[in-house]
Amino acid sequence: MQRGPTLIHRFLLPALTLGLTTAPAACDATAQDAPRRDIAIAIHGGAGTISRGDLTPEAEAAYRGKLEEALRAGYAILERGGSSLDAVVAAVRILEDSPLFNAGKGAVFTSEGTNELDAAIMDGRTLAAGAVAGVKRVKNPITLARAVMERSPHVMMIGAGAEAFAAEQGIELVDPEYFFTQHRWDALQRAKAQEAGKPVSEPKGPQAFTPDDRKYGTVGAVALDRHGNLAAATSTGGMTNKRFGRVGDAPIIGAGTYANNESCAVSATGHGEFFIRNVVAHEICALVQYGGLSLREAADRVVMQKLVAQGGEGGVIAIDRNGEIAMPFNSEGMYRGSIDRDGRIFVGIYRE
């Protein structure tokens, strides 16, 4: 895996290390009785054409800071003996609540000027899974996806029906205006202008962190807990200017999200149609489980060879049952981070 503590701001590293090594030791009786295992977590915040010149120092610091916050939240749960499911949900919720990423609060706009959110989660221990698509009022879609998995007999719910289930389960709903952010709205106007053949200028100003028409925005997390259980979670606002209720790979079990204790857990980000056609997340895990490949070999074969040959852009984060982490991407950049089984922290944006 890629490691690079020097990439983290020097003034944050001592605080991160302190927070990660002094997390509360209290846990329930089951966790206390279980044999200690390695724990690890990885997250992503989207892939695409993310060049060093696109981000101001302030914007880069904001992205790195939020990725670090999500990592710390998930890892703290794992350190206390908590489940990988709890860890990935905690990490993803932080990213959903941030306007920096295309999920939850920061979701991009459809062609109709609305926000349609998708999410999925999978439990590697039981192969249970839950997903939602096309929801417009759910503050944290990953929470609803978990409720679908744990409180219903189904795997996927969509649209108004999913929102009715959310209300029934007491999951927080918000006015659609909650999801409005000016830089996402401006990205829609640029996309519409480009579609009409009009000249388009690059965004400017403090909110122009990344041109969203050149980035596949998704957030996700994968984790291994002390009980040896894997989990994966993914959440997205889809593609800017999408039409006709388009749904990408994020909520499709096996395409953008997959977890199996016998192999690995994967969360993907990229051009969803290619990830769906190639069942990317499951393909990586199958190559590990049945093909005998290492996690790195499997992830590279799918992301760096198979997708590239077809013109499919994006990347994945993956973790196997031994705590090995892989984060390959074939795009120019990918917001990503990990805390490995030795407790080492990595946060990256560009091809380091």
Protein backbone atom coordinates (compact mmCIF):
# COMPACT_ATOMS: atom_id res chain seq x y z
CA MET A 1 0.00 0.00 0.00
CA GLN A 2 0.99 3.61 -0.29
CA ARG A 3 2.33 5.10 2.88
CA GLY A 4 3.33 8.65 3.45
CA PRO A 5 3.11 10.23 6.88
CA THR A 6 5.09 13.16 5.52
CA LEU A 7 2.08 14.06 3.37
CA ILE A 8 0.06 14.94 6.43
CA HIS A 9 0.51 18.44 7.72
CA ARG A 10 3.27 18.35 10.31
CA PHE A 11 1.22 20.27 12.80
CA LEU A 12 -1.58 17.68 12.61
CA LEU A 13 0.47 14.52 12.88
CA PRO A 14 1.21 14.69 16.63
CA ALA A 15 -2.47 15.29 17.36
CA LEU A 16 -3.49 12.45 15.09
CA THR A 17 -1.03 10.06 16.64
CA LEU A 18 -2.14 11.02 20.12
CA GLY A 19 -5.79 10.60 19.23
CA LEU A 20 -5.20 7.21 17.66
CA THR A 21 -3.06 5.77 20.42
CA THR A 22 -5.06 6.97 23.38
CA ALA A 23 -8.59 6.06 22.31
CA PRO A 24 -10.74 4.73 25.18
CA ALA A 25 -10.02 1.10 25.96
CA ALA A 26 -13.47 0.34 27.33
CA CYS A 27 -15.48 -2.25 25.38
CA ASP A 28 -18.20 -4.79 25.96
CA ALA A 29 -17.67 -8.29 27.33
CA THR A 30 -17.77 -9.87 23.88
CA ALA A 31 -14.97 -7.64 22.62
CA GLN A 32 -12.92 -8.26 25.77
CA ASP A 33 -13.22 -12.03 25.43
CA ALA A 34 -12.40 -12.09 21.72
CA PRO A 35 -8.81 -12.66 20.59
CA ARG A 36 -7.06 -9.45 19.55
CA ARG A 37 -6.68 -9.00 15.82
CA ASP A 38 -5.24 -6.36 13.59
CA ILE A 39 -7.57 -3.49 12.75
CA ALA A 40 -7.43 -1.19 9.73
CA ILE A 41 -9.53 1.30 7.79
CA ALA A 42 -9.41 3.09 4.44
CA ILE A 43 -11.59 5.83 2.99
CA HIS A 44 -12.03 7.73 -0.27
CA GLY A 45 -13.67 10.96 -1.32
CA GLY A 46 -13.84 10.59 -5.10
CA ALA A 47 -11.52 10.24 -8.07
CA GLY A 48 -10.98 12.17 -11.29
CA THR A 49 -8.90 14.92 -12.87
CA ILE A 50 -7.58 16.39 -9.66
CA SER A 51 -4.41 18.32 -10.50
CA ARG A 52 -2.11 20.07 -8.06
CA GLY A 53 -2.94 23.36 -9.74
CA ASP A 54 -6.68 22.90 -9.08
CA LEU A 55 -6.41 23.28 -5.34
CA THR A 56 -5.28 26.28 -3.35
CA PRO A 57 -3.22 25.49 -0.24
CA GLU A 58 -6.30 26.33 1.86
CA ALA A 59 -8.52 24.02 -0.18
CA GLU A 60 -6.01 21.17 -0.01
CA ALA A 61 -5.76 21.59 3.75
CA ALA A 62 -9.55 21.48 4.01
CA TYR A 63 -9.76 18.22 2.07
CA ARG A 64 -6.94 16.59 3.99
CA GLY A 65 -8.38 17.73 7.29
CA LYS A 66 -11.82 16.26 6.58
CA LEU A 67 -10.35 12.97 5.36
CA GLU A 68 -8.26 12.76 8.54
CA GLU A 69 -11.33 13.50 10.67
CA ALA A 70 -13.27 10.68 9.02
CA LEU A 71 -10.34 8.27 9.41
CA ARG A 72 -9.94 9.08 13.08
CA ALA A 73 -13.67 8.64 13.77
CA GLY A 74 -13.78 5.20 12.18
CA TYR A 75 -10.50 4.04 13.66
CA ALA A 76 -11.48 5.12 17.18
CA ILE A 77 -14.47 2.78 16.97
CA LEU A 78 -12.24 -0.10 15.86
CA GLU A 79 -9.78 0.59 18.69
CA ARG A 80 -12.57 0.34 21.25
CA GLY A 81 -13.47 -3.10 19.90
CA GLY A 82 -16.40 -1.78 17.86
CA SER A 83 -17.62 -3.35 14.65
CA SER A 84 -16.38 -2.65 11.15
CA LEU A 85 -19.98 -1.73 10.25
CA ASP A 86 -20.05 1.00 12.90
CA ALA A 87 -16.64 2.23 11.75
CA VAL A 88 -17.49 2.60 8.07
CA VAL A 89 -20.81 4.30 8.84
CA ALA A 90 -19.13 6.79 11.18
CA ALA A 91 -16.49 7.65 8.58
CA VAL A 92 -18.96 7.99 5.72
CA ARG A 93 -21.38 10.14 7.72
CA ILE A 94 -18.61 12.69 8.33
CA LEU A 95 -17.94 12.87 4.61
CA GLU A 96 -21.67 13.06 3.85
CA ASP A 97 -22.01 16.03 6.20
CA SER A 98 -19.23 17.96 4.45
CA PRO A 99 -19.90 20.20 1.41
CA LEU A 100 -16.46 19.24 0.08
CA PHE A 101 -17.53 15.84 -1.22
CA ASN A 102 -20.21 14.71 -3.65
CA ALA A 103 -22.38 12.89 -1.12
CA GLY A 104 -25.01 14.10 1.33
CA LYS A 105 -24.59 17.83 1.95
CA GLY A 106 -22.20 18.26 -0.98
CA ALA A 107 -24.25 16.33 -3.55
CA VAL A 108 -24.19 17.54 -7.15
CA PHE A 109 -27.31 18.59 -9.05
CA THR A 110 -29.26 16.65 -11.64
CA SER A 111 -30.31 18.21 -14.95
CA GLU A 112 -33.60 19.14 -13.30
CA GLY A 113 -31.82 21.05 -10.53
CA THR A 114 -32.50 18.48 -7.80
CA ASN A 115 -30.22 16.27 -5.70
CA GLU A 116 -30.60 12.48 -5.92
CA LEU A 117 -28.59 10.46 -3.42
CA ASP A 118 -27.46 6.82 -3.47
CA ALA A 119 -25.71 4.68 -0.86
CA ALA A 120 -24.91 1.08 0.02
CA ILE A 121 -23.39 -0.95 2.84
CA MET A 122 -22.36 -4.60 3.17
CA ASP A 123 -21.45 -6.84 6.10
CA GLY A 124 -18.62 -9.20 5.23
CA ARG A 125 -19.50 -11.59 8.05
CA THR A 126 -23.06 -12.39 6.92
CA LEU A 127 -23.08 -11.04 3.34
CA ALA A 128 -26.09 -8.97 4.35
CA ALA A 129 -26.38 -5.74 2.38
CA GLY A 130 -28.55 -2.66 2.12
CA ALA A 131 -28.82 0.07 -0.50
CA VAL A 132 -30.89 3.12 -1.42
CA ALA A 133 -31.08 5.11 -4.64
CA GLY A 134 -32.64 8.35 -5.81
CA VAL A 135 -33.52 9.72 -2.37
CA LYS A 136 -33.91 13.49 -2.07
CA ARG A 137 -34.64 14.19 1.61
CA VAL A 138 -32.43 11.80 3.59
CA LYS A 139 -29.66 13.68 5.41
CA ASN A 140 -27.38 10.65 5.69
CA PRO A 141 -28.16 8.05 3.02
CA ILE A 142 -25.63 5.58 4.48
CA THR A 143 -27.70 5.42 7.68
CA LEU A 144 -30.79 4.56 5.64
CA ALA A 145 -28.88 1.92 3.66
CA ARG A 146 -27.89 0.25 6.94
CA ALA A 147 -31.51 0.35 8.11
CA VAL A 148 -32.58 -1.37 4.88
CA MET A 149 -30.01 -4.08 5.62
CA GLU A 150 -30.83 -4.56 9.29
CA ARG A 151 -34.52 -3.66 9.61
CA SER A 152 -36.09 -4.92 6.39
CA PRO A 153 -36.11 -8.14 4.36
CA HIS A 154 -34.86 -6.25 1.30
CA VAL A 155 -31.52 -5.19 -0.16
CA MET A 156 -32.46 -2.05 -2.13
CA MET A 157 -35.11 0.66 -1.86
CA ILE A 158 -35.51 3.68 -4.12
CA GLY A 159 -37.07 7.13 -4.21
CA ALA A 160 -40.23 7.95 -2.34
CA GLY A 161 -40.58 4.42 -1.01
CA ALA A 162 -37.13 4.55 0.57
CA GLU A 163 -37.99 7.91 2.13
CA ALA A 164 -41.24 6.51 3.54
CA PHE A 165 -39.23 3.70 5.11
CA ALA A 166 -36.78 6.27 6.49
CA ALA A 167 -39.62 8.20 8.14
CA GLU A 168 -41.02 4.98 9.59
CA GLN A 169 -37.60 4.14 11.06
CA GLY A 170 -37.06 7.59 12.54
CA ILE A 171 -34.15 8.42 10.23
CA GLU A 172 -33.54 12.14 9.80
CA LEU A 173 -35.19 13.77 6.80
CA VAL A 174 -34.41 17.32 5.66
CA ASP A 175 -35.84 19.89 3.31
CA PRO A 176 -34.24 19.46 -0.15
CA GLU A 177 -32.83 22.97 0.27
CA TYR A 178 -30.39 21.51 2.80
CA PHE A 179 -28.38 20.05 -0.08
CA PHE A 180 -27.95 23.32 -1.96
CA THR A 181 -24.36 24.56 -2.27
CA GLN A 182 -23.38 27.35 -4.61
CA HIS A 183 -20.34 25.64 -6.11
CA ARG A 184 -22.39 22.55 -7.01
CA TRP A 185 -25.06 24.77 -8.57
CA ASP A 186 -22.41 26.60 -10.57
CA ALA A 187 -21.03 23.24 -11.73
CA LEU A 188 -24.47 22.38 -13.11
CA GLN A 189 -24.63 25.66 -15.02
CA ARG A 190 -21.19 24.96 -16.53
CA ALA A 191 -22.29 21.48 -17.55
CA LYS A 192 -25.45 22.81 -19.18
CA ALA A 193 -23.49 25.49 -21.03
CA GLN A 194 -21.03 22.89 -22.27
CA GLU A 195 -23.90 20.64 -23.35
CA ALA A 196 -25.31 23.55 -25.38
CA GLY A 197 -21.94 24.19 -27.00
CA LYS A 198 -21.34 27.47 -25.19
CA PRO A 199 -17.92 28.55 -23.91
CA VAL A 200 -17.23 27.43 -20.38
CA SER A 201 -14.77 29.09 -17.99
CA GLU A 202 -13.08 27.31 -15.11
CA PRO A 203 -14.55 28.05 -11.67
CA LYS A 204 -12.86 30.65 -9.49
CA GLY A 205 -13.02 31.63 -5.86
CA PRO A 206 -12.69 29.93 -2.46
CA GLN A 207 -15.40 27.35 -3.19
CA ALA A 208 -13.85 26.25 -6.49
CA PHE A 209 -11.97 23.40 -4.85
CA THR A 210 -12.31 20.99 -7.75
CA PRO A 211 -14.21 21.35 -11.03
CA ASP A 212 -16.92 18.74 -10.52
CA ASP A 213 -17.39 18.18 -14.22
CA ARG A 214 -13.90 16.58 -14.13
CA LYS A 215 -14.35 14.51 -10.95
CA TYR A 216 -16.32 11.36 -10.17
CA GLY A 217 -17.60 12.24 -6.75
CA THR A 218 -18.30 9.47 -4.29
CA VAL A 219 -17.28 8.76 -0.71
CA GLY A 220 -16.64 5.40 0.85
CA ALA A 221 -14.99 3.40 3.61
CA VAL A 222 -13.79 -0.15 4.20
CA ALA A 223 -12.68 -1.59 7.53
CA LEU A 224 -11.47 -4.68 9.38
CA ASP A 225 -12.38 -5.00 13.07
CA ARG A 226 -10.83 -6.98 15.94
CA HIS A 227 -13.27 -9.84 15.39
CA GLY A 228 -11.96 -10.33 11.85
CA ASN A 229 -15.08 -8.88 10.23
CA LEU A 230 -14.95 -6.76 7.10
CA ALA A 231 -17.42 -4.08 5.98
CA ALA A 232 -17.78 -1.67 3.08
CA ALA A 233 -19.89 1.47 2.66
CA THR A 234 -20.31 3.90 -0.24
CA SER A 235 -22.38 7.08 -0.70
CA THR A 236 -22.77 9.50 -3.62
CA GLY A 237 -24.72 12.32 -5.18
CA GLY A 238 -24.18 10.83 -8.63
CA MET A 239 -23.12 12.77 -11.71
CA THR A 240 -23.60 16.47 -12.37
CA ASN A 241 -26.40 17.07 -14.92
CA LYS A 242 -27.57 13.44 -14.84
CA ARG A 243 -31.03 12.72 -16.29
CA PHE A 244 -33.79 10.12 -16.29
CA GLY A 245 -33.17 8.89 -12.74
CA ARG A 246 -29.72 7.59 -13.62
CA VAL A 247 -28.14 5.41 -10.91
CA GLY A 248 -24.45 4.58 -10.85
CA ASP A 249 -22.41 1.83 -9.25
CA ALA A 250 -22.28 3.08 -5.64
CA PRO A 251 -25.56 1.44 -4.48
CA ILE A 252 -25.14 -1.65 -6.67
CA ILE A 253 -23.90 -4.53 -4.52
CA GLY A 254 -20.93 -6.11 -6.26
CA ALA A 255 -20.27 -3.14 -8.53
CA GLY A 256 -19.40 -0.20 -6.29
CA THR A 257 -19.70 -1.88 -2.89
CA TYR A 258 -18.87 -5.39 -1.69
CA ALA A 259 -17.56 -7.17 1.42
CA ASN A 260 -16.88 -10.82 2.25
CA ASN A 261 -14.85 -12.07 5.21
CA GLU A 262 -13.44 -14.80 2.97
CA SER A 263 -11.71 -12.27 0.75
CA CYS A 264 -11.97 -8.50 1.04
CA ALA A 265 -14.08 -5.34 1.26
CA VAL A 266 -14.20 -2.80 -1.57
CA SER A 267 -15.67 0.66 -2.14
CA ALA A 268 -15.34 2.19 -5.60
CA THR A 269 -15.39 5.64 -7.18
CA GLY A 270 -15.39 6.46 -10.87
CA HIS A 271 -17.44 6.28 -14.04
CA GLY A 272 -20.18 4.08 -12.64
CA GLU A 273 -21.35 2.49 -15.87
CA PHE A 274 -17.97 0.81 -16.32
CA PHE A 275 -17.92 -0.36 -12.70
CA ILE A 276 -21.38 -1.87 -13.09
CA ARG A 277 -20.56 -3.68 -16.35
CA ASN A 278 -17.44 -5.19 -14.82
CA VAL A 279 -18.90 -5.86 -11.37
CA VAL A 280 -15.68 -4.31 -10.13
CA ALA A 281 -15.97 -4.69 -6.35
CA HIS A 282 -16.97 -8.36 -6.52
CA GLU A 283 -14.44 -9.07 -9.26
CA ILE A 284 -11.59 -7.93 -7.02
CA CYS A 285 -12.79 -10.06 -4.12
CA ALA A 286 -13.32 -13.09 -6.39
CA LEU A 287 -9.76 -12.82 -7.70
CA VAL A 288 -8.55 -12.87 -4.09
CA GLN A 289 -10.81 -15.70 -2.92
CA TYR A 290 -10.77 -18.00 -5.94
CA GLY A 291 -7.85 -16.79 -8.02
CA GLY A 292 -5.30 -16.78 -5.23
CA LEU A 293 -4.14 -13.26 -6.01
CA SER A 294 -2.99 -10.82 -3.36
CA LEU A 295 -5.28 -7.87 -2.73
CA ARG A 296 -2.88 -5.52 -4.51
CA GLU A 297 -2.61 -7.82 -7.54
CA ALA A 298 -6.38 -8.25 -7.76
CA ALA A 299 -7.18 -4.56 -7.42
CA ASP A 300 -4.49 -3.56 -9.93
CA ARG A 301 -5.65 -6.13 -12.46
CA VAL A 302 -9.20 -4.77 -12.42
CA VAL A 303 -8.56 -1.03 -12.00
CA MET A 304 -5.26 -0.55 -13.83
CA GLN A 305 -5.72 -3.11 -16.61
CA LYS A 306 -9.32 -4.16 -17.24
CA LEU A 307 -10.93 -0.75 -16.73
CA VAL A 308 -8.16 1.11 -18.54
CA ALA A 309 -8.55 -1.16 -21.58
CA GLN A 310 -12.22 -0.18 -21.74
CA GLY A 311 -11.75 3.52 -21.02
CA GLY A 312 -13.25 3.31 -17.53
CA GLU A 313 -11.83 5.91 -15.17
CA GLY A 314 -11.74 5.78 -11.36
CA GLY A 315 -10.35 3.84 -8.44
CA VAL A 316 -11.12 1.72 -5.40
CA ILE A 317 -10.20 1.33 -1.77
CA ALA A 318 -9.93 -2.25 -0.59
CA ILE A 319 -8.93 -4.17 2.51
CA ASP A 320 -8.51 -7.93 2.93
CA ARG A 321 -9.08 -10.22 5.89
CA ASN A 322 -5.43 -9.86 6.92
CA GLY A 323 -5.65 -6.08 7.08
CA GLU A 324 -3.75 -5.40 3.86
CA ILE A 325 -4.91 -2.23 2.10
CA ALA A 326 -4.91 -1.32 -1.60
CA MET A 327 -6.01 2.01 -3.10
CA PRO A 328 -5.29 1.94 -6.86
CA PHE A 329 -6.72 4.54 -9.25
CA ASN A 330 -6.25 5.15 -12.96
CA SER A 331 -7.40 8.78 -12.86
CA GLU A 332 -5.13 11.76 -12.22
CA GLY A 333 -6.04 11.89 -8.55
CA MET A 334 -8.20 10.36 -5.82
CA TYR A 335 -9.02 11.72 -2.37
CA ARG A 336 -8.08 8.85 -0.09
CA GLY A 337 -6.68 7.89 3.27
CA SER A 338 -5.92 4.91 5.46
CA ILE A 339 -4.76 3.78 8.87
CA ASP A 340 -3.09 0.43 8.46
CA ARG A 341 -2.79 -2.49 10.86
CA ASP A 342 0.39 -0.95 12.31
CA GLY A 343 -1.46 2.29 13.07
CA ARG A 344 0.31 4.26 10.35
CA ILE A 345 -1.68 7.10 8.79
CA PHE A 346 -1.72 8.06 5.12
CA VAL A 347 -3.72 10.80 3.41
CA GLY A 348 -3.34 11.47 -0.30
CA ILE A 349 -4.93 13.38 -3.15
CA TYR A 350 -2.57 13.19 -6.11
CA ARG A 351 -0.52 10.42 -7.62
CA GLU A 352 2.22 10.55 -4.98
